[in-house]
Amino acid sequence: MEFSDTHSTPARVQFALLRAATPRRKFQLACSLTRTTATLAFRALRRANPELSEQDLDLLFVARNYGEDLAGRVREYMARRPS
């Protein structure tokens, strides 16, 4: 059973291109995908929480993606640092 929205022929071509890519190119693609995913997640948080400040959105992003523990430590650090 296949769960892709890509027809099998283009999918085979895509996989062949990925297999042929250099390690550097694969790393670039992974970084690009990571950036895009984080950007989309942050936009969704902003749309769902328009009342939050940028700092509070940043902390919410950290909490959702890296856990409340880290978000709490970042919050404490931000409160201690000079403005």
PDB file of N, CA and C in Angstrom:
ATOM      1  N   MET A   1       0.848  -1.176   0.000  1.00  0.00           N
ATOM      2  CA  MET A   1       0.000   0.000   0.000  1.00  0.00           C
ATOM      3  C   MET A   1       0.894   1.240   0.000  1.00  0.00           C
ATOM      4  N   GLU A   2       0.567   2.183  -0.861  1.00  0.00           N
ATOM      5  CA  GLU A   2       1.373   3.392  -0.997  1.00  0.00           C
ATOM      6  C   GLU A   2       0.599   4.588  -0.442  1.00  0.00           C
ATOM      7  N   PHE A   3       1.282   5.424   0.346  1.00  0.00           N
ATOM      8  CA  PHE A   3       0.636   6.567   0.979  1.00  0.00           C
ATOM      9  C   PHE A   3       1.129   7.893   0.417  1.00  0.00           C
ATOM     10  N   SER A   4       1.613   7.913  -0.794  1.00  0.00           N
ATOM     11  CA  SER A   4       2.178   9.117  -1.378  1.00  0.00           C
ATOM     12  C   SER A   4       1.164   9.787  -2.280  1.00  0.00           C
ATOM     13  N   ASP A   5       1.241  11.124  -2.345  1.00  0.00           N
ATOM     14  CA  ASP A   5       0.398  11.852  -3.283  1.00  0.00           C
ATOM     15  C   ASP A   5       1.134  12.070  -4.608  1.00  0.00           C
ATOM     16  N   THR A   6       2.312  11.480  -4.731  1.00  0.00           N
ATOM     17  CA  THR A   6       3.118  11.584  -5.944  1.00  0.00           C
ATOM     18  C   THR A   6       3.002  10.282  -6.726  1.00  0.00           C
ATOM     19  N   HIS A   7       2.700  10.388  -8.008  1.00  0.00           N
ATOM     20  CA  HIS A   7       2.612   9.214  -8.876  1.00  0.00           C
ATOM     21  C   HIS A   7       3.932   8.452  -8.821  1.00  0.00           C
ATOM     22  N   SER A   8       3.902   7.168  -9.068  1.00  0.00           N
ATOM     23  CA  SER A   8       5.101   6.343  -8.887  1.00  0.00           C
ATOM     24  C   SER A   8       6.242   6.725  -9.834  1.00  0.00           C
ATOM     25  N   THR A   9       5.956   7.183 -11.048  1.00  0.00           N
ATOM     26  CA  THR A   9       7.044   7.535 -11.966  1.00  0.00           C
ATOM     27  C   THR A   9       7.815   8.760 -11.476  1.00  0.00           C
ATOM     28  N   PRO A  10       7.152   9.880 -11.166  1.00  0.00           N
ATOM     29  CA  PRO A  10       7.916  11.016 -10.624  1.00  0.00           C
ATOM     30  C   PRO A  10       8.602  10.674  -9.304  1.00  0.00           C
ATOM     31  N   ALA A  11       7.979   9.838  -8.509  1.00  0.00           N
ATOM     32  CA  ALA A  11       8.594   9.454  -7.235  1.00  0.00           C
ATOM     33  C   ALA A  11       9.900   8.709  -7.486  1.00  0.00           C
ATOM     34  N   ARG A  12       9.913   7.803  -8.476  1.00  0.00           N
ATOM     35  CA  ARG A  12      11.143   7.076  -8.805  1.00  0.00           C
ATOM     36  C   ARG A  12      12.233   8.044  -9.257  1.00  0.00           C
ATOM     37  N   VAL A  13      11.854   9.038 -10.060  1.00  0.00           N
ATOM     38  CA  VAL A  13      12.821  10.036 -10.526  1.00  0.00           C
ATOM     39  C   VAL A  13      13.362  10.832  -9.340  1.00  0.00           C
ATOM     40  N   GLN A  14      12.462  11.249  -8.445  1.00  0.00           N
ATOM     41  CA  GLN A  14      12.897  11.998  -7.256  1.00  0.00           C
ATOM     42  C   GLN A  14      13.871  11.185  -6.421  1.00  0.00           C
ATOM     43  N   PHE A  15      13.562   9.920  -6.187  1.00  0.00           N
ATOM     44  CA  PHE A  15      14.460   9.081  -5.387  1.00  0.00           C
ATOM     45  C   PHE A  15      15.793   8.870  -6.084  1.00  0.00           C
ATOM     46  N   ALA A  16      15.771   8.723  -7.396  1.00  0.00           N
ATOM     47  CA  ALA A  16      17.021   8.568  -8.143  1.00  0.00           C
ATOM     48  C   ALA A  16      17.878   9.820  -8.009  1.00  0.00           C
ATOM     49  N   LEU A  17      17.246  10.987  -8.100  1.00  0.00           N
ATOM     50  CA  LEU A  17      17.991  12.243  -7.943  1.00  0.00           C
ATOM     51  C   LEU A  17      18.568  12.364  -6.531  1.00  0.00           C
ATOM     52  N   LEU A  18      17.790  11.967  -5.535  1.00  0.00           N
ATOM     53  CA  LEU A  18      18.299  12.014  -4.159  1.00  0.00           C
ATOM     54  C   LEU A  18      19.470  11.048  -3.961  1.00  0.00           C
ATOM     55  N   ARG A  19      19.340   9.848  -4.515  1.00  0.00           N
ATOM     56  CA  ARG A  19      20.441   8.881  -4.385  1.00  0.00           C
ATOM     57  C   ARG A  19      21.705   9.387  -5.070  1.00  0.00           C
ATOM     58  N   ALA A  20      21.547  10.111  -6.172  1.00  0.00           N
ATOM     59  CA  ALA A  20      22.708  10.599  -6.933  1.00  0.00           C
ATOM     60  C   ALA A  20      23.298  11.883  -6.343  1.00  0.00           C
ATOM     61  N   ALA A  21      22.565  12.535  -5.449  1.00  0.00           N
ATOM     62  CA  ALA A  21      23.021  13.816  -4.894  1.00  0.00           C
ATOM     63  C   ALA A  21      24.249  13.621  -4.011  1.00  0.00           C
ATOM     64  N   THR A  22      25.075  14.644  -3.980  1.00  0.00           N
ATOM     65  CA  THR A  22      26.252  14.615  -3.106  1.00  0.00           C
ATOM     66  C   THR A  22      25.806  14.756  -1.652  1.00  0.00           C
ATOM     67  N   PRO A  23      26.644  14.354  -0.716  1.00  0.00           N
ATOM     68  CA  PRO A  23      26.296  14.570   0.692  1.00  0.00           C
ATOM     69  C   PRO A  23      26.000  16.048   0.986  1.00  0.00           C
ATOM     70  N   ARG A  24      26.771  16.936   0.385  1.00  0.00           N
ATOM     71  CA  ARG A  24      26.540  18.369   0.600  1.00  0.00           C
ATOM     72  C   ARG A  24      25.136  18.766   0.143  1.00  0.00           C
ATOM     73  N   ARG A  25      24.726  18.294  -1.034  1.00  0.00           N
ATOM     74  CA  ARG A  25      23.404  18.634  -1.556  1.00  0.00           C
ATOM     75  C   ARG A  25      22.311  18.039  -0.677  1.00  0.00           C
ATOM     76  N   LYS A  26      22.504  16.823  -0.204  1.00  0.00           N
ATOM     77  CA  LYS A  26      21.517  16.202   0.689  1.00  0.00           C
ATOM     78  C   LYS A  26      21.386  17.013   1.974  1.00  0.00           C
ATOM     79  N   PHE A  27      22.511  17.484   2.490  1.00  0.00           N
ATOM     80  CA  PHE A  27      22.480  18.306   3.702  1.00  0.00           C
ATOM     81  C   PHE A  27      21.753  19.623   3.428  1.00  0.00           C
ATOM     82  N   GLN A  28      22.012  20.238   2.279  1.00  0.00           N
ATOM     83  CA  GLN A  28      21.328  21.480   1.916  1.00  0.00           C
ATOM     84  C   GLN A  28      19.818  21.260   1.834  1.00  0.00           C
ATOM     85  N   LEU A  29      19.409  20.171   1.235  1.00  0.00           N
ATOM     86  CA  LEU A  29      17.975  19.862   1.137  1.00  0.00           C
ATOM     87  C   LEU A  29      17.358  19.648   2.516  1.00  0.00           C
ATOM     88  N   ALA A  30      18.074  18.941   3.384  1.00  0.00           N
ATOM     89  CA  ALA A  30      17.569  18.706   4.741  1.00  0.00           C
ATOM     90  C   ALA A  30      17.429  20.022   5.499  1.00  0.00           C
ATOM     91  N   CYS A  31      18.413  20.898   5.367  1.00  0.00           N
ATOM     92  CA  CYS A  31      18.347  22.205   6.040  1.00  0.00           C
ATOM     93  C   CYS A  31      17.189  23.031   5.510  1.00  0.00           C
ATOM     94  N   SER A  32      16.997  23.001   4.213  1.00  0.00           N
ATOM     95  CA  SER A  32      15.898  23.747   3.603  1.00  0.00           C
ATOM     96  C   SER A  32      14.546  23.234   4.099  1.00  0.00           C
ATOM     97  N   LEU A  33      14.400  21.930   4.159  1.00  0.00           N
ATOM     98  CA  LEU A  33      13.158  21.337   4.645  1.00  0.00           C
ATOM     99  C   LEU A  33      12.925  21.708   6.111  1.00  0.00           C
ATOM    100  N   THR A  34      13.976  21.681   6.908  1.00  0.00           N
ATOM    101  CA  THR A  34      13.868  22.047   8.322  1.00  0.00           C
ATOM    102  C   THR A  34      13.434  23.503   8.475  1.00  0.00           C
ATOM    103  N   ARG A  35      14.071  24.407   7.708  1.00  0.00           N
ATOM    104  CA  ARG A  35      13.701  25.828   7.761  1.00  0.00           C
ATOM    105  C   ARG A  35      12.251  26.044   7.354  1.00  0.00           C
ATOM    106  N   THR A  36      11.844  25.400   6.279  1.00  0.00           N
ATOM    107  CA  THR A  36      10.473  25.551   5.796  1.00  0.00           C
ATOM    108  C   THR A  36       9.470  25.047   6.829  1.00  0.00           C
ATOM    109  N   THR A  37       9.758  23.901   7.412  1.00  0.00           N
ATOM    110  CA  THR A  37       8.867  23.325   8.424  1.00  0.00           C
ATOM    111  C   THR A  37       8.755  24.237   9.640  1.00  0.00           C
ATOM    112  N   ALA A  38       9.872  24.762  10.108  1.00  0.00           N
ATOM    113  CA  ALA A  38       9.855  25.661  11.269  1.00  0.00           C
ATOM    114  C   ALA A  38       9.098  26.942  10.946  1.00  0.00           C
ATOM    115  N   THR A  39       9.300  27.489   9.752  1.00  0.00           N
ATOM    116  CA  THR A  39       8.600  28.706   9.352  1.00  0.00           C
ATOM    117  C   THR A  39       7.096  28.482   9.313  1.00  0.00           C
ATOM    118  N   LEU A  40       6.675  27.378   8.730  1.00  0.00           N
ATOM    119  CA  LEU A  40       5.243  27.075   8.654  1.00  0.00           C
ATOM    120  C   LEU A  40       4.650  26.847  10.044  1.00  0.00           C
ATOM    121  N   ALA A  41       5.393  26.167  10.916  1.00  0.00           N
ATOM    122  CA  ALA A  41       4.908  25.935  12.283  1.00  0.00           C
ATOM    123  C   ALA A  41       4.765  27.262  13.030  1.00  0.00           C
ATOM    124  N   PHE A  42       5.740  28.154  12.858  1.00  0.00           N
ATOM    125  CA  PHE A  42       5.686  29.449  13.537  1.00  0.00           C
ATOM    126  C   PHE A  42       4.514  30.280  13.013  1.00  0.00           C
ATOM    127  N   ARG A  43       4.294  30.260  11.707  1.00  0.00           N
ATOM    128  CA  ARG A  43       3.145  30.995  11.136  1.00  0.00           C
ATOM    129  C   ARG A  43       1.823  30.474  11.688  1.00  0.00           C
ATOM    130  N   ALA A  44       1.726  29.157  11.817  1.00  0.00           N
ATOM    131  CA  ALA A  44       0.499  28.568  12.362  1.00  0.00           C
ATOM    132  C   ALA A  44       0.288  29.013  13.807  1.00  0.00           C
ATOM    133  N   LEU A  45       1.366  29.058  14.593  1.00  0.00           N
ATOM    134  CA  LEU A  45       1.241  29.535  15.977  1.00  0.00           C
ATOM    135  C   LEU A  45       0.799  30.994  16.010  1.00  0.00           C
ATOM    136  N   ARG A  46       1.350  31.814  15.124  1.00  0.00           N
ATOM    137  CA  ARG A  46       0.987  33.233  15.068  1.00  0.00           C
ATOM    138  C   ARG A  46      -0.491  33.399  14.702  1.00  0.00           C
ATOM    139  N   ARG A  47      -0.946  32.629  13.719  1.00  0.00           N
ATOM    140  CA  ARG A  47      -2.363  32.717  13.318  1.00  0.00           C
ATOM    141  C   ARG A  47      -3.288  32.264  14.445  1.00  0.00           C
ATOM    142  N   ALA A  48      -2.889  31.231  15.165  1.00  0.00           N
ATOM    143  CA  ALA A  48      -3.722  30.692  16.240  1.00  0.00           C
ATOM    144  C   ALA A  48      -3.671  31.540  17.509  1.00  0.00           C
ATOM    145  N   ASN A  49      -2.628  32.388  17.634  1.00  0.00           N
ATOM    146  CA  ASN A  49      -2.435  33.179  18.859  1.00  0.00           C
ATOM    147  C   ASN A  49      -2.071  34.620  18.510  1.00  0.00           C
ATOM    148  N   PRO A  50      -2.958  35.342  17.819  1.00  0.00           N
ATOM    149  CA  PRO A  50      -2.612  36.694  17.366  1.00  0.00           C
ATOM    150  C   PRO A  50      -2.382  37.682  18.504  1.00  0.00           C
ATOM    151  N   GLU A  51      -2.852  37.352  19.679  1.00  0.00           N
ATOM    152  CA  GLU A  51      -2.709  38.260  20.820  1.00  0.00           C
ATOM    153  C   GLU A  51      -1.327  38.190  21.473  1.00  0.00           C
ATOM    154  N   LEU A  52      -0.527  37.182  21.136  1.00  0.00           N
ATOM    155  CA  LEU A  52       0.772  37.011  21.779  1.00  0.00           C
ATOM    156  C   LEU A  52       1.832  37.927  21.171  1.00  0.00           C
ATOM    157  N   SER A  53       2.744  38.366  22.023  1.00  0.00           N
ATOM    158  CA  SER A  53       3.888  39.157  21.561  1.00  0.00           C
ATOM    159  C   SER A  53       4.858  38.235  20.813  1.00  0.00           C
ATOM    160  N   GLU A  54       5.809  38.824  20.105  1.00  0.00           N
ATOM    161  CA  GLU A  54       6.810  38.018  19.405  1.00  0.00           C
ATOM    162  C   GLU A  54       7.590  37.141  20.393  1.00  0.00           C
ATOM    163  N   GLN A  55       7.932  37.717  21.556  1.00  0.00           N
ATOM    164  CA  GLN A  55       8.669  36.945  22.560  1.00  0.00           C
ATOM    165  C   GLN A  55       7.833  35.774  23.055  1.00  0.00           C
ATOM    166  N   ASP A  56       6.556  36.012  23.319  1.00  0.00           N
ATOM    167  CA  ASP A  56       5.700  34.919  23.784  1.00  0.00           C
ATOM    168  C   ASP A  56       5.501  33.865  22.696  1.00  0.00           C
ATOM    169  N   LEU A  57       5.429  34.296  21.435  1.00  0.00           N
ATOM    170  CA  LEU A  57       5.346  33.332  20.338  1.00  0.00           C
ATOM    171  C   LEU A  57       6.620  32.498  20.249  1.00  0.00           C
ATOM    172  N   ASP A  58       7.763  33.157  20.427  1.00  0.00           N
ATOM    173  CA  ASP A  58       9.034  32.427  20.418  1.00  0.00           C
ATOM    174  C   ASP A  58       9.050  31.364  21.517  1.00  0.00           C
ATOM    175  N   LEU A  59       8.603  31.747  22.702  1.00  0.00           N
ATOM    176  CA  LEU A  59       8.590  30.797  23.822  1.00  0.00           C
ATOM    177  C   LEU A  59       7.599  29.663  23.579  1.00  0.00           C
ATOM    178  N   LEU A  60       6.462  29.980  22.988  1.00  0.00           N
ATOM    179  CA  LEU A  60       5.482  28.941  22.659  1.00  0.00           C
ATOM    180  C   LEU A  60       6.063  27.978  21.630  1.00  0.00           C
ATOM    181  N   PHE A  61       6.769  28.516  20.648  1.00  0.00           N
ATOM    182  CA  PHE A  61       7.416  27.666  19.646  1.00  0.00           C
ATOM    183  C   PHE A  61       8.420  26.718  20.311  1.00  0.00           C
ATOM    184  N   VAL A  62       9.230  27.255  21.203  1.00  0.00           N
ATOM    185  CA  VAL A  62      10.216  26.421  21.906  1.00  0.00           C
ATOM    186  C   VAL A  62       9.499  25.348  22.724  1.00  0.00           C
ATOM    187  N   ALA A  63       8.438  25.746  23.428  1.00  0.00           N
ATOM    188  CA  ALA A  63       7.702  24.785  24.257  1.00  0.00           C
ATOM    189  C   ALA A  63       7.117  23.660  23.410  1.00  0.00           C
ATOM    190  N   ARG A  64       6.515  24.008  22.290  1.00  0.00           N
ATOM    191  CA  ARG A  64       5.868  22.998  21.445  1.00  0.00           C
ATOM    192  C   ARG A  64       6.870  22.081  20.752  1.00  0.00           C
ATOM    193  N   ASN A  65       8.028  22.637  20.396  1.00  0.00           N
ATOM    194  CA  ASN A  65       8.972  21.860  19.593  1.00  0.00           C
ATOM    195  C   ASN A  65      10.100  21.228  20.401  1.00  0.00           C
ATOM    196  N   TYR A  66      10.418  21.818  21.551  1.00  0.00           N
ATOM    197  CA  TYR A  66      11.560  21.319  22.331  1.00  0.00           C
ATOM    198  C   TYR A  66      11.199  21.002  23.781  1.00  0.00           C
ATOM    199  N   GLY A  67       9.970  21.284  24.172  1.00  0.00           N
ATOM    200  CA  GLY A  67       9.512  20.933  25.509  1.00  0.00           C
ATOM    201  C   GLY A  67       9.416  22.118  26.457  1.00  0.00           C
ATOM    202  N   GLU A  68       8.536  21.945  27.437  1.00  0.00           N
ATOM    203  CA  GLU A  68       8.292  22.987  28.441  1.00  0.00           C
ATOM    204  C   GLU A  68       9.531  23.268  29.291  1.00  0.00           C
ATOM    205  N   ASP A  69      10.315  22.232  29.566  1.00  0.00           N
ATOM    206  CA  ASP A  69      11.502  22.420  30.395  1.00  0.00           C
ATOM    207  C   ASP A  69      12.444  23.439  29.759  1.00  0.00           C
ATOM    208  N   LEU A  70      12.754  23.246  28.490  1.00  0.00           N
ATOM    209  CA  LEU A  70      13.648  24.189  27.812  1.00  0.00           C
ATOM    210  C   LEU A  70      12.993  25.565  27.700  1.00  0.00           C
ATOM    211  N   ALA A  71      11.712  25.610  27.398  1.00  0.00           N
ATOM    212  CA  ALA A  71      11.020  26.900  27.305  1.00  0.00           C
ATOM    213  C   ALA A  71      11.093  27.646  28.636  1.00  0.00           C
ATOM    214  N   GLY A  72      10.945  26.926  29.731  1.00  0.00           N
ATOM    215  CA  GLY A  72      11.054  27.546  31.046  1.00  0.00           C
ATOM    216  C   GLY A  72      12.445  28.106  31.303  1.00  0.00           C
ATOM    217  N   ARG A  73      13.461  27.350  30.912  1.00  0.00           N
ATOM    218  CA  ARG A  73      14.829  27.832  31.098  1.00  0.00           C
ATOM    219  C   ARG A  73      15.117  29.046  30.215  1.00  0.00           C
ATOM    220  N   VAL A  74      14.595  29.047  28.995  1.00  0.00           N
ATOM    221  CA  VAL A  74      14.769  30.205  28.115  1.00  0.00           C
ATOM    222  C   VAL A  74      14.043  31.415  28.699  1.00  0.00           C
ATOM    223  N   ARG A  75      12.841  31.201  29.213  1.00  0.00           N
ATOM    224  CA  ARG A  75      12.053  32.279  29.834  1.00  0.00           C
ATOM    225  C   ARG A  75      12.829  32.886  31.012  1.00  0.00           C
ATOM    226  N   GLU A  76      13.414  32.044  31.852  1.00  0.00           N
ATOM    227  CA  GLU A  76      14.201  32.532  32.993  1.00  0.00           C
ATOM    228  C   GLU A  76      15.419  33.315  32.516  1.00  0.00           C
ATOM    229  N   TYR A  77      16.104  32.805  31.507  1.00  0.00           N
ATOM    230  CA  TYR A  77      17.268  33.493  30.962  1.00  0.00           C
ATOM    231  C   TYR A  77      16.877  34.871  30.425  1.00  0.00           C
ATOM    232  N   MET A  78      15.779  34.918  29.698  1.00  0.00           N
ATOM    233  CA  MET A  78      15.332  36.189  29.119  1.00  0.00           C
ATOM    234  C   MET A  78      14.943  37.191  30.206  1.00  0.00           C
ATOM    235  N   ALA A  79      14.384  36.703  31.301  1.00  0.00           N
ATOM    236  CA  ALA A  79      14.009  37.590  32.389  1.00  0.00           C
ATOM    237  C   ALA A  79      15.229  38.152  33.111  1.00  0.00           C
ATOM    238  N   ARG A  80      16.331  37.408  33.159  1.00  0.00           N
ATOM    239  CA  ARG A  80      17.545  37.839  33.848  1.00  0.00           C
ATOM    240  C   ARG A  80      18.408  38.772  33.022  1.00  0.00           C
ATOM    241  N   ARG A  81      18.352  38.658  31.707  1.00  0.00           N
ATOM    242  CA  ARG A  81      19.262  39.444  30.875  1.00  0.00           C
ATOM    243  C   ARG A  81      18.833  40.904  30.826  1.00  0.00           C
ATOM    244  N   PRO A  82      19.814  41.800  30.708  1.00  0.00           N
ATOM    245  CA  PRO A  82      19.487  43.233  30.638  1.00  0.00           C
ATOM    246  C   PRO A  82      18.765  43.552  29.329  1.00  0.00           C
ATOM    247  N   SER A  83      17.883  44.517  29.381  1.00  0.00           N
ATOM    248  CA  SER A  83      17.100  44.897  28.199  1.00  0.00           C
ATOM    249  C   SER A  83      17.887  45.699  27.214  1.00  0.00           C
TER     250      SER A  83
END
